[in-house]
Amino acid sequence: MTQFEAVVLAGGRSSRMGEDKGLMLLRGRPLIAYVLDAVARCGPAISTIRISTANPAYRQFGYPLLADLVPDCGPLGGIHAALQTAATETVLVAGCDLPFVTHETIARLGERMRSQPSAVVVAAYAGQPQPLLGFYQRSALPILARRMEQRQLRLREFLAEAGATKVELQGVVPENSFFNVNTPEEFAEASGCLKSSKQEKT
């Protein structure tokens, strides 16, 4: 079985949230815990899980921390550090703010990477790429390094230059799979969705 390393990005400034959002408690659990659980449930396909952050508070989750090698480059910096230091050719990258992502969704992307390898394979929903849930290969490093050096840090522009494969998942995965938590309002909405989900299961 081809194995991948996984890196969960938690190094953002969370400027719209006002605090480190990955550690905020969502229905009693840190936001990042939902993503870590989904990645861990992928089983032996994932050889190692690391958290991209310089915040030592994330050591509580029991995974190695990975600091950016080039500071102040946003998500591209985390992806770059992950690929530069990985023991595997391919790395799963996931944002810490996707509480509804599932291991089944990750597995679908992994299957696509295995069957049709590409420098970058990311999820898409309703035609919109989801760059913070995807598989990145080391062959993308030269483009990453150049864009970081030139301060061209927009993720979607990087995807376009890298010729990323976008796997459309609308109608395949739950509608809220890529609900992204960036603001207090979105945090409250995610909390309400989780409460409703738990009530439906009881």
N, C-alpha and C. Protein backbone atom coordinates (compact mmCIF):
# COMPACT_ATOMS: atom_id res chain seq x y z
N MET A 1 0.84 -1.20 0.00
CA MET A 1 0.00 0.00 0.00
C MET A 1 0.88 1.26 0.00
N THR A 2 0.58 2.19 -0.91
CA THR A 2 1.27 3.47 -0.92
C THR A 2 0.83 4.28 0.29
N GLN A 3 1.81 4.77 1.03
CA GLN A 3 1.50 5.56 2.21
C GLN A 3 1.80 7.04 1.97
N PHE A 4 1.04 7.87 2.68
CA PHE A 4 1.24 9.31 2.61
C PHE A 4 1.49 9.83 4.02
N GLU A 5 2.27 10.89 4.11
CA GLU A 5 2.29 11.66 5.35
C GLU A 5 1.11 12.63 5.31
N ALA A 6 0.74 13.11 6.48
CA ALA A 6 -0.35 14.09 6.56
C ALA A 6 0.10 15.27 7.42
N VAL A 7 -0.27 16.45 6.98
CA VAL A 7 0.00 17.66 7.76
C VAL A 7 -1.30 18.46 7.87
N VAL A 8 -1.68 18.78 9.09
CA VAL A 8 -2.85 19.63 9.34
C VAL A 8 -2.34 21.04 9.60
N LEU A 9 -2.78 21.98 8.78
CA LEU A 9 -2.30 23.36 8.88
C LEU A 9 -3.02 24.11 9.99
N ALA A 10 -2.24 24.60 10.95
CA ALA A 10 -2.82 25.36 12.06
C ALA A 10 -1.99 26.59 12.35
N GLY A 11 -1.22 27.03 11.38
CA GLY A 11 -0.29 28.12 11.62
C GLY A 11 -0.80 29.49 11.24
N GLY A 12 -2.07 29.58 10.83
CA GLY A 12 -2.60 30.87 10.40
C GLY A 12 -2.75 31.85 11.54
N ARG A 13 -2.91 33.12 11.18
CA ARG A 13 -3.03 34.17 12.19
C ARG A 13 -4.43 34.27 12.78
N SER A 14 -5.42 33.65 12.15
CA SER A 14 -6.80 33.69 12.64
C SER A 14 -7.26 35.12 12.91
N SER A 15 -6.88 36.03 12.01
CA SER A 15 -7.16 37.45 12.26
C SER A 15 -8.66 37.75 12.34
N ARG A 16 -9.45 37.04 11.54
CA ARG A 16 -10.90 37.30 11.57
C ARG A 16 -11.56 36.71 12.81
N MET A 17 -10.92 35.69 13.40
CA MET A 17 -11.49 35.05 14.57
C MET A 17 -11.08 35.77 15.86
N GLY A 18 -9.88 36.36 15.85
CA GLY A 18 -9.42 37.08 17.02
C GLY A 18 -8.64 36.24 18.01
N GLU A 19 -8.54 34.92 17.76
CA GLU A 19 -7.74 34.02 18.59
C GLU A 19 -7.39 32.80 17.76
N ASP A 20 -6.53 31.95 18.29
CA ASP A 20 -6.08 30.77 17.55
C ASP A 20 -7.27 29.82 17.38
N LYS A 21 -7.86 29.83 16.18
CA LYS A 21 -9.12 29.12 16.00
C LYS A 21 -8.99 27.61 16.15
N GLY A 22 -7.84 27.04 15.82
CA GLY A 22 -7.69 25.60 15.92
C GLY A 22 -7.87 25.07 17.33
N LEU A 23 -7.63 25.94 18.33
CA LEU A 23 -7.75 25.54 19.73
C LEU A 23 -9.09 25.92 20.35
N MET A 24 -9.91 26.66 19.61
CA MET A 24 -11.22 27.05 20.14
C MET A 24 -12.11 25.82 20.31
N LEU A 25 -12.87 25.79 21.39
CA LEU A 25 -13.70 24.63 21.69
C LEU A 25 -15.01 24.70 20.93
N LEU A 26 -15.22 23.71 20.09
CA LEU A 26 -16.45 23.59 19.30
C LEU A 26 -17.23 22.41 19.86
N ARG A 27 -18.33 22.69 20.53
CA ARG A 27 -19.11 21.64 21.22
C ARG A 27 -18.21 20.83 22.15
N GLY A 28 -17.31 21.53 22.86
CA GLY A 28 -16.48 20.89 23.88
C GLY A 28 -15.18 20.30 23.39
N ARG A 29 -14.89 20.40 22.08
CA ARG A 29 -13.64 19.84 21.54
C ARG A 29 -12.92 20.92 20.74
N PRO A 30 -11.58 20.94 20.78
CA PRO A 30 -10.86 21.89 19.93
C PRO A 30 -11.20 21.68 18.46
N LEU A 31 -11.32 22.76 17.73
CA LEU A 31 -11.70 22.70 16.32
C LEU A 31 -10.81 21.74 15.54
N ILE A 32 -9.51 21.80 15.78
CA ILE A 32 -8.58 20.96 15.03
C ILE A 32 -8.78 19.47 15.31
N ALA A 33 -9.35 19.13 16.47
CA ALA A 33 -9.52 17.72 16.83
C ALA A 33 -10.42 16.98 15.84
N TYR A 34 -11.40 17.68 15.28
CA TYR A 34 -12.30 17.04 14.31
C TYR A 34 -11.52 16.63 13.06
N VAL A 35 -10.61 17.49 12.62
CA VAL A 35 -9.81 17.20 11.42
C VAL A 35 -8.79 16.10 11.72
N LEU A 36 -8.13 16.20 12.87
CA LEU A 36 -7.17 15.17 13.25
C LEU A 36 -7.82 13.79 13.32
N ASP A 37 -9.04 13.73 13.84
CA ASP A 37 -9.75 12.45 13.92
C ASP A 37 -10.03 11.89 12.52
N ALA A 38 -10.47 12.77 11.60
CA ALA A 38 -10.77 12.31 10.25
C ALA A 38 -9.52 11.77 9.57
N VAL A 39 -8.40 12.46 9.76
CA VAL A 39 -7.14 12.00 9.15
C VAL A 39 -6.70 10.68 9.78
N ALA A 40 -6.76 10.60 11.11
CA ALA A 40 -6.33 9.38 11.81
C ALA A 40 -7.15 8.17 11.39
N ARG A 41 -8.42 8.39 11.07
CA ARG A 41 -9.30 7.28 10.68
C ARG A 41 -8.98 6.73 9.29
N CYS A 42 -8.08 7.38 8.59
CA CYS A 42 -7.65 6.84 7.30
C CYS A 42 -6.77 5.61 7.47
N GLY A 43 -6.34 5.34 8.69
CA GLY A 43 -5.63 4.11 9.00
C GLY A 43 -4.24 4.04 8.41
N PRO A 44 -3.83 2.83 8.00
CA PRO A 44 -2.44 2.63 7.55
C PRO A 44 -2.06 3.40 6.30
N ALA A 45 -3.02 3.97 5.59
CA ALA A 45 -2.68 4.78 4.41
C ALA A 45 -1.88 6.02 4.81
N ILE A 46 -2.04 6.45 6.06
CA ILE A 46 -1.31 7.62 6.56
C ILE A 46 -0.18 7.13 7.46
N SER A 47 1.05 7.43 7.06
CA SER A 47 2.20 6.94 7.83
C SER A 47 2.51 7.81 9.04
N THR A 48 2.32 9.10 8.90
CA THR A 48 2.66 10.07 9.94
C THR A 48 1.70 11.24 9.87
N ILE A 49 1.32 11.77 11.03
CA ILE A 49 0.52 12.99 11.09
C ILE A 49 1.33 14.05 11.83
N ARG A 50 1.41 15.24 11.24
CA ARG A 50 2.06 16.36 11.89
C ARG A 50 1.12 17.57 11.87
N ILE A 51 1.38 18.50 12.76
CA ILE A 51 0.59 19.73 12.82
C ILE A 51 1.51 20.89 12.45
N SER A 52 1.11 21.65 11.44
CA SER A 52 1.90 22.79 10.99
C SER A 52 1.57 24.00 11.85
N THR A 53 2.46 24.30 12.78
CA THR A 53 2.27 25.42 13.70
C THR A 53 3.55 25.64 14.49
N ALA A 54 3.71 26.87 14.98
CA ALA A 54 4.81 27.16 15.91
C ALA A 54 4.30 27.31 17.33
N ASN A 55 2.99 27.08 17.53
CA ASN A 55 2.37 27.25 18.84
C ASN A 55 2.53 25.96 19.66
N PRO A 56 3.31 25.98 20.73
CA PRO A 56 3.54 24.76 21.52
C PRO A 56 2.28 24.20 22.17
N ALA A 57 1.20 24.99 22.25
CA ALA A 57 -0.04 24.50 22.85
C ALA A 57 -0.61 23.32 22.07
N TYR A 58 -0.23 23.18 20.81
CA TYR A 58 -0.73 22.07 19.99
C TYR A 58 -0.07 20.74 20.33
N ARG A 59 0.93 20.75 21.19
CA ARG A 59 1.54 19.48 21.60
C ARG A 59 0.55 18.60 22.36
N GLN A 60 -0.52 19.20 22.88
CA GLN A 60 -1.50 18.44 23.65
C GLN A 60 -2.14 17.31 22.84
N PHE A 61 -2.08 17.40 21.51
CA PHE A 61 -2.73 16.39 20.68
C PHE A 61 -1.83 15.19 20.40
N GLY A 62 -0.58 15.27 20.80
CA GLY A 62 0.30 14.12 20.71
C GLY A 62 0.98 13.91 19.36
N TYR A 63 0.90 14.91 18.48
CA TYR A 63 1.53 14.79 17.17
C TYR A 63 2.70 15.76 17.06
N PRO A 64 3.72 15.41 16.26
CA PRO A 64 4.85 16.33 16.08
C PRO A 64 4.39 17.65 15.45
N LEU A 65 5.06 18.73 15.86
CA LEU A 65 4.76 20.05 15.31
C LEU A 65 5.77 20.38 14.22
N LEU A 66 5.32 21.11 13.23
CA LEU A 66 6.16 21.48 12.10
C LEU A 66 6.07 22.98 11.90
N ALA A 67 7.18 23.68 12.12
CA ALA A 67 7.21 25.13 11.90
C ALA A 67 7.55 25.42 10.44
N ASP A 68 7.06 26.54 9.93
CA ASP A 68 7.38 26.95 8.57
C ASP A 68 8.89 27.16 8.44
N LEU A 69 9.43 26.76 7.30
CA LEU A 69 10.84 27.00 7.02
C LEU A 69 11.07 28.41 6.52
N VAL A 70 10.04 28.97 5.87
CA VAL A 70 10.07 30.37 5.41
C VAL A 70 8.89 31.06 6.06
N PRO A 71 9.12 32.03 6.93
CA PRO A 71 8.02 32.63 7.68
C PRO A 71 7.14 33.55 6.83
N ASP A 72 5.93 33.76 7.33
CA ASP A 72 5.00 34.76 6.78
C ASP A 72 4.62 34.50 5.33
N CYS A 73 4.40 33.24 5.00
CA CYS A 73 3.96 32.90 3.64
C CYS A 73 2.59 32.24 3.65
N GLY A 74 1.89 32.30 4.77
CA GLY A 74 0.54 31.75 4.84
C GLY A 74 0.50 30.25 4.60
N PRO A 75 -0.61 29.75 4.08
CA PRO A 75 -0.73 28.29 3.84
C PRO A 75 0.34 27.74 2.92
N LEU A 76 0.81 28.53 1.95
CA LEU A 76 1.87 28.04 1.07
C LEU A 76 3.12 27.69 1.87
N GLY A 77 3.40 28.46 2.92
CA GLY A 77 4.56 28.18 3.77
C GLY A 77 4.42 26.85 4.49
N GLY A 78 3.21 26.55 4.96
CA GLY A 78 2.98 25.27 5.62
C GLY A 78 3.10 24.10 4.67
N ILE A 79 2.56 24.26 3.46
CA ILE A 79 2.65 23.20 2.45
C ILE A 79 4.10 22.99 2.05
N HIS A 80 4.83 24.07 1.86
CA HIS A 80 6.25 23.99 1.50
C HIS A 80 7.04 23.24 2.56
N ALA A 81 6.86 23.60 3.83
CA ALA A 81 7.59 22.92 4.91
C ALA A 81 7.23 21.44 4.98
N ALA A 82 5.95 21.14 4.76
CA ALA A 82 5.51 19.74 4.80
C ALA A 82 6.20 18.92 3.73
N LEU A 83 6.24 19.44 2.50
CA LEU A 83 6.86 18.70 1.41
C LEU A 83 8.37 18.63 1.56
N GLN A 84 8.97 19.71 2.01
CA GLN A 84 10.42 19.78 2.14
C GLN A 84 10.94 18.79 3.17
N THR A 85 10.14 18.50 4.19
CA THR A 85 10.61 17.65 5.29
C THR A 85 9.97 16.26 5.30
N ALA A 86 9.11 15.97 4.34
CA ALA A 86 8.39 14.69 4.34
C ALA A 86 9.30 13.53 3.96
N ALA A 87 8.98 12.38 4.53
CA ALA A 87 9.68 11.14 4.16
C ALA A 87 8.99 10.44 3.00
N THR A 88 7.81 10.90 2.64
CA THR A 88 7.07 10.31 1.52
C THR A 88 7.02 11.32 0.37
N GLU A 89 6.80 10.81 -0.83
CA GLU A 89 6.74 11.66 -2.01
C GLU A 89 5.51 12.56 -2.00
N THR A 90 4.45 12.07 -1.37
CA THR A 90 3.16 12.75 -1.39
C THR A 90 2.69 13.04 0.03
N VAL A 91 2.11 14.21 0.23
CA VAL A 91 1.63 14.62 1.55
C VAL A 91 0.17 15.04 1.46
N LEU A 92 -0.64 14.53 2.36
CA LEU A 92 -2.01 15.02 2.52
C LEU A 92 -1.96 16.31 3.32
N VAL A 93 -2.59 17.35 2.80
CA VAL A 93 -2.67 18.63 3.49
C VAL A 93 -4.13 18.91 3.82
N ALA A 94 -4.41 19.25 5.08
CA ALA A 94 -5.77 19.57 5.50
C ALA A 94 -5.74 20.79 6.40
N GLY A 95 -6.69 21.70 6.20
CA GLY A 95 -6.81 22.85 7.09
C GLY A 95 -7.42 22.44 8.42
N CYS A 96 -7.08 23.17 9.46
CA CYS A 96 -7.58 22.83 10.80
C CYS A 96 -9.02 23.25 11.01
N ASP A 97 -9.59 23.98 10.03
CA ASP A 97 -10.90 24.60 10.23
C ASP A 97 -11.99 23.97 9.38
N LEU A 98 -11.90 22.67 9.17
CA LEU A 98 -12.90 21.92 8.40
C LEU A 98 -13.52 20.84 9.28
N PRO A 99 -14.37 21.23 10.23
CA PRO A 99 -14.84 20.27 11.23
C PRO A 99 -15.74 19.17 10.69
N PHE A 100 -16.25 19.32 9.46
CA PHE A 100 -17.17 18.33 8.93
C PHE A 100 -16.54 17.42 7.87
N VAL A 101 -15.25 17.57 7.66
CA VAL A 101 -14.59 16.69 6.70
C VAL A 101 -14.54 15.27 7.28
N THR A 102 -14.64 14.27 6.42
CA THR A 102 -14.65 12.87 6.88
C THR A 102 -13.49 12.09 6.27
N HIS A 103 -13.19 10.97 6.90
CA HIS A 103 -12.11 10.14 6.35
C HIS A 103 -12.50 9.54 5.01
N GLU A 104 -13.82 9.38 4.77
CA GLU A 104 -14.25 8.87 3.46
C GLU A 104 -13.91 9.87 2.35
N THR A 105 -14.08 11.16 2.63
CA THR A 105 -13.74 12.19 1.65
C THR A 105 -12.24 12.17 1.36
N ILE A 106 -11.44 12.07 2.42
CA ILE A 106 -9.99 12.00 2.24
C ILE A 106 -9.60 10.77 1.44
N ALA A 107 -10.25 9.64 1.73
CA ALA A 107 -9.94 8.39 1.03
C ALA A 107 -10.23 8.52 -0.46
N ARG A 108 -11.30 9.20 -0.83
CA ARG A 108 -11.63 9.39 -2.25
C ARG A 108 -10.52 10.16 -2.97
N LEU A 109 -10.01 11.18 -2.30
CA LEU A 109 -8.92 11.95 -2.90
C LEU A 109 -7.66 11.10 -3.02
N GLY A 110 -7.39 10.30 -1.99
CA GLY A 110 -6.23 9.42 -2.03
C GLY A 110 -6.31 8.41 -3.15
N GLU A 111 -7.50 7.88 -3.38
CA GLU A 111 -7.68 6.93 -4.48
C GLU A 111 -7.39 7.59 -5.82
N ARG A 112 -7.83 8.85 -5.97
CA ARG A 112 -7.57 9.57 -7.22
C ARG A 112 -6.07 9.82 -7.41
N MET A 113 -5.38 10.16 -6.33
CA MET A 113 -3.94 10.39 -6.44
C MET A 113 -3.22 9.11 -6.83
N ARG A 114 -3.68 7.97 -6.28
CA ARG A 114 -3.03 6.70 -6.63
C ARG A 114 -3.31 6.30 -8.08
N SER A 115 -4.54 6.49 -8.54
CA SER A 115 -4.91 6.02 -9.87
C SER A 115 -4.47 6.97 -10.98
N GLN A 116 -4.45 8.28 -10.67
CA GLN A 116 -4.05 9.27 -11.67
C GLN A 116 -3.14 10.30 -10.99
N PRO A 117 -1.89 9.94 -10.75
CA PRO A 117 -0.98 10.83 -10.02
C PRO A 117 -0.84 12.19 -10.69
N SER A 118 -0.77 13.22 -9.85
CA SER A 118 -0.61 14.59 -10.31
C SER A 118 0.19 15.33 -9.25
N ALA A 119 0.83 16.43 -9.64
CA ALA A 119 1.61 17.19 -8.66
C ALA A 119 0.73 17.64 -7.50
N VAL A 120 -0.54 17.96 -7.82
CA VAL A 120 -1.49 18.39 -6.80
C VAL A 120 -2.86 17.82 -7.15
N VAL A 121 -3.51 17.21 -6.16
CA VAL A 121 -4.89 16.75 -6.31
C VAL A 121 -5.68 17.32 -5.15
N VAL A 122 -6.66 18.16 -5.46
CA VAL A 122 -7.45 18.79 -4.39
C VAL A 122 -8.93 18.51 -4.59
N ALA A 123 -9.66 18.62 -3.51
CA ALA A 123 -11.11 18.49 -3.58
C ALA A 123 -11.70 19.72 -4.25
N ALA A 124 -12.88 19.54 -4.83
CA ALA A 124 -13.65 20.66 -5.36
C ALA A 124 -15.11 20.40 -5.02
N TYR A 125 -15.86 21.48 -4.83
CA TYR A 125 -17.29 21.35 -4.53
C TYR A 125 -18.02 22.45 -5.28
N ALA A 126 -18.99 22.04 -6.09
CA ALA A 126 -19.75 22.99 -6.92
C ALA A 126 -18.82 23.83 -7.78
N GLY A 127 -17.76 23.19 -8.26
CA GLY A 127 -16.83 23.86 -9.14
C GLY A 127 -15.76 24.68 -8.45
N GLN A 128 -15.85 24.80 -7.13
CA GLN A 128 -14.89 25.61 -6.38
C GLN A 128 -13.80 24.73 -5.77
N PRO A 129 -12.53 24.96 -6.14
CA PRO A 129 -11.45 24.15 -5.56
C PRO A 129 -11.32 24.39 -4.07
N GLN A 130 -10.92 23.35 -3.36
CA GLN A 130 -10.72 23.40 -1.92
C GLN A 130 -9.24 23.10 -1.65
N PRO A 131 -8.38 24.10 -1.78
CA PRO A 131 -6.93 23.84 -1.72
C PRO A 131 -6.43 23.31 -0.39
N LEU A 132 -7.21 23.51 0.67
CA LEU A 132 -6.75 23.02 1.98
C LEU A 132 -7.34 21.67 2.33
N LEU A 133 -7.68 20.90 1.29
CA LEU A 133 -7.91 19.48 1.46
C LEU A 133 -7.44 18.82 0.16
N GLY A 134 -6.24 18.30 0.21
CA GLY A 134 -5.70 17.72 -1.01
C GLY A 134 -4.37 17.01 -0.78
N PHE A 135 -3.89 16.41 -1.85
CA PHE A 135 -2.61 15.71 -1.83
C PHE A 135 -1.62 16.48 -2.70
N TYR A 136 -0.44 16.73 -2.12
CA TYR A 136 0.60 17.52 -2.78
C TYR A 136 1.85 16.67 -2.92
N GLN A 137 2.46 16.70 -4.09
CA GLN A 137 3.69 15.94 -4.32
C GLN A 137 4.90 16.85 -4.27
N ARG A 138 6.04 16.23 -3.99
CA ARG A 138 7.29 16.99 -3.89
C ARG A 138 7.65 17.67 -5.21
N SER A 139 7.13 17.15 -6.31
CA SER A 139 7.41 17.77 -7.61
C SER A 139 6.86 19.19 -7.69
N ALA A 140 5.96 19.56 -6.77
CA ALA A 140 5.42 20.92 -6.75
C ALA A 140 6.33 21.90 -6.02
N LEU A 141 7.39 21.41 -5.40
CA LEU A 141 8.25 22.28 -4.58
C LEU A 141 8.88 23.44 -5.36
N PRO A 142 9.39 23.24 -6.57
CA PRO A 142 10.00 24.39 -7.27
C PRO A 142 9.02 25.53 -7.50
N ILE A 143 7.78 25.21 -7.86
CA ILE A 143 6.78 26.25 -8.06
C ILE A 143 6.47 26.94 -6.73
N LEU A 144 6.32 26.14 -5.68
CA LEU A 144 6.06 26.71 -4.36
C LEU A 144 7.17 27.67 -3.94
N ALA A 145 8.41 27.21 -4.06
CA ALA A 145 9.56 28.01 -3.61
C ALA A 145 9.64 29.32 -4.39
N ARG A 146 9.43 29.26 -5.70
CA ARG A 146 9.52 30.47 -6.51
C ARG A 146 8.41 31.46 -6.14
N ARG A 147 7.19 30.95 -5.99
CA ARG A 147 6.08 31.84 -5.66
C ARG A 147 6.28 32.47 -4.28
N MET A 148 6.83 31.72 -3.34
CA MET A 148 7.09 32.28 -2.02
C MET A 148 8.17 33.35 -2.09
N GLU A 149 9.21 33.09 -2.87
CA GLU A 149 10.29 34.07 -3.02
C GLU A 149 9.77 35.36 -3.64
N GLN A 150 8.84 35.23 -4.58
CA GLN A 150 8.28 36.40 -5.26
C GLN A 150 7.07 36.97 -4.53
N ARG A 151 6.73 36.39 -3.39
CA ARG A 151 5.60 36.83 -2.57
C ARG A 151 4.28 36.73 -3.32
N GLN A 152 4.17 35.73 -4.19
CA GLN A 152 2.92 35.42 -4.88
C GLN A 152 2.25 34.28 -4.11
N LEU A 153 1.45 34.64 -3.13
CA LEU A 153 1.02 33.67 -2.12
C LEU A 153 -0.43 33.21 -2.25
N ARG A 154 -1.10 33.59 -3.31
CA ARG A 154 -2.49 33.18 -3.47
C ARG A 154 -2.56 31.69 -3.81
N LEU A 155 -3.30 30.95 -3.00
CA LEU A 155 -3.37 29.50 -3.19
C LEU A 155 -3.95 29.11 -4.54
N ARG A 156 -5.00 29.77 -4.96
CA ARG A 156 -5.65 29.37 -6.21
C ARG A 156 -4.78 29.66 -7.42
N GLU A 157 -3.97 30.70 -7.34
CA GLU A 157 -3.04 30.97 -8.43
C GLU A 157 -1.96 29.89 -8.47
N PHE A 158 -1.53 29.44 -7.30
CA PHE A 158 -0.58 28.33 -7.26
C PHE A 158 -1.18 27.07 -7.87
N LEU A 159 -2.43 26.76 -7.53
CA LEU A 159 -3.08 25.58 -8.09
C LEU A 159 -3.12 25.65 -9.61
N ALA A 160 -3.42 26.82 -10.13
CA ALA A 160 -3.48 26.97 -11.58
C ALA A 160 -2.13 26.73 -12.22
N GLU A 161 -1.08 27.30 -11.65
CA GLU A 161 0.25 27.13 -12.23
C GLU A 161 0.73 25.69 -12.12
N ALA A 162 0.37 25.03 -11.02
CA ALA A 162 0.79 23.64 -10.82
C ALA A 162 -0.04 22.65 -11.63
N GLY A 163 -1.09 23.13 -12.30
CA GLY A 163 -1.94 22.23 -13.07
C GLY A 163 -2.67 21.24 -12.18
N ALA A 164 -3.18 21.73 -11.06
CA ALA A 164 -3.81 20.86 -10.07
C ALA A 164 -5.01 20.12 -10.65
N THR A 165 -5.15 18.86 -10.26
CA THR A 165 -6.34 18.08 -10.58
C THR A 165 -7.39 18.37 -9.51
N LYS A 166 -8.57 18.74 -9.95
CA LYS A 166 -9.66 19.05 -9.01
C LYS A 166 -10.70 17.94 -9.08
N VAL A 167 -10.95 17.31 -7.95
CA VAL A 167 -11.88 16.19 -7.86
C VAL A 167 -13.23 16.73 -7.38
N GLU A 168 -14.20 16.79 -8.28
CA GLU A 168 -15.52 17.33 -7.95
C GLU A 168 -16.28 16.34 -7.06
N LEU A 169 -16.71 16.83 -5.90
CA LEU A 169 -17.35 15.96 -4.91
C LEU A 169 -18.78 16.35 -4.59
N GLN A 170 -19.33 17.33 -5.31
CA GLN A 170 -20.73 17.67 -5.08
C GLN A 170 -21.61 16.48 -5.44
N GLY A 171 -22.54 16.16 -4.55
CA GLY A 171 -23.40 15.00 -4.76
C GLY A 171 -22.78 13.70 -4.31
N VAL A 172 -21.51 13.76 -3.88
CA VAL A 172 -20.79 12.56 -3.45
C VAL A 172 -20.55 12.57 -1.95
N VAL A 173 -20.26 13.76 -1.42
CA VAL A 173 -20.00 13.91 0.01
C VAL A 173 -21.05 14.85 0.60
N PRO A 174 -21.23 14.85 1.93
CA PRO A 174 -22.22 15.75 2.54
C PRO A 174 -22.00 17.21 2.16
N GLU A 175 -23.08 17.95 2.08
CA GLU A 175 -23.03 19.33 1.60
C GLU A 175 -22.13 20.22 2.45
N ASN A 176 -22.04 19.92 3.76
CA ASN A 176 -21.26 20.78 4.65
C ASN A 176 -19.80 20.33 4.79
N SER A 177 -19.36 19.37 3.98
CA SER A 177 -18.02 18.80 4.12
C SER A 177 -16.92 19.86 4.12
N PHE A 178 -17.11 20.93 3.35
CA PHE A 178 -16.06 21.93 3.21
C PHE A 178 -16.45 23.26 3.86
N PHE A 179 -17.37 23.16 4.83
CA PHE A 179 -17.72 24.36 5.59
C PHE A 179 -16.48 24.82 6.34
N ASN A 180 -16.07 26.05 6.07
CA ASN A 180 -14.81 26.58 6.58
C ASN A 180 -15.09 27.58 7.70
N VAL A 181 -14.45 27.40 8.84
CA VAL A 181 -14.69 28.24 10.01
C VAL A 181 -13.61 29.31 10.12
N ASN A 182 -13.98 30.55 9.77
CA ASN A 182 -13.01 31.65 9.81
C ASN A 182 -13.45 32.81 10.70
N THR A 183 -14.74 32.90 11.00
CA THR A 183 -15.26 34.04 11.76
C THR A 183 -16.07 33.53 12.94
N PRO A 184 -16.32 34.39 13.93
CA PRO A 184 -17.18 33.99 15.05
C PRO A 184 -18.56 33.55 14.58
N GLU A 185 -19.08 34.17 13.53
CA GLU A 185 -20.40 33.80 13.02
C GLU A 185 -20.38 32.38 12.44
N GLU A 186 -19.33 32.07 11.69
CA GLU A 186 -19.20 30.72 11.13
C GLU A 186 -18.96 29.69 12.22
N PHE A 187 -18.25 30.09 13.27
CA PHE A 187 -18.04 29.19 14.41
C PHE A 187 -19.38 28.86 15.06
N ALA A 188 -20.21 29.85 15.27
CA ALA A 188 -21.53 29.63 15.87
C ALA A 188 -22.39 28.75 14.97
N GLU A 189 -22.30 28.97 13.65
CA GLU A 189 -23.07 28.15 12.72
C GLU A 189 -22.62 26.69 12.76
N ALA A 190 -21.30 26.48 12.82
CA ALA A 190 -20.78 25.11 12.90
C ALA A 190 -21.23 24.43 14.18
N SER A 191 -21.25 25.18 15.28
CA SER A 191 -21.70 24.62 16.55
C SER A 191 -23.15 24.19 16.47
N GLY A 192 -23.97 25.02 15.82
CA GLY A 192 -25.38 24.66 15.65
C GLY A 192 -25.56 23.43 14.80
N CYS A 193 -24.75 23.30 13.75
CA CYS A 193 -24.84 22.12 12.88
C CYS A 193 -24.47 20.85 13.63
N LEU A 194 -23.43 20.94 14.46
CA LEU A 194 -23.02 19.77 15.22
C LEU A 194 -24.08 19.38 16.24
N LYS A 195 -24.71 20.38 16.86
CA LYS A 195 -25.77 20.09 17.83
C LYS A 195 -26.94 19.39 17.15
N SER A 196 -27.31 19.89 15.98
CA SER A 196 -28.43 19.28 15.23
C SER A 196 -28.09 17.86 14.83
N SER A 197 -26.85 17.64 14.41
CA SER A 197 -26.42 16.32 13.99
C SER A 197 -26.49 15.32 15.14
N LYS A 198 -26.05 15.77 16.32
CA LYS A 198 -26.09 14.88 17.49
C LYS A 198 -27.51 14.57 17.89
N GLN A 199 -28.39 15.55 17.78
CA GLN A 199 -29.79 15.32 18.15
C GLN A 199 -30.43 14.32 17.21
N GLU A 200 -30.08 14.38 15.91
CA GLU A 200 -30.63 13.47 14.94
C GLU A 200 -30.21 12.03 15.19
N LYS A 201 -29.00 11.85 15.77
CA LYS A 201 -28.49 10.51 16.00
C LYS A 201 -29.05 9.89 17.26
N THR A 202 -29.62 10.73 18.17
CA THR A 202 -30.14 10.19 19.43
C THR A 202 -31.61 9.82 19.30
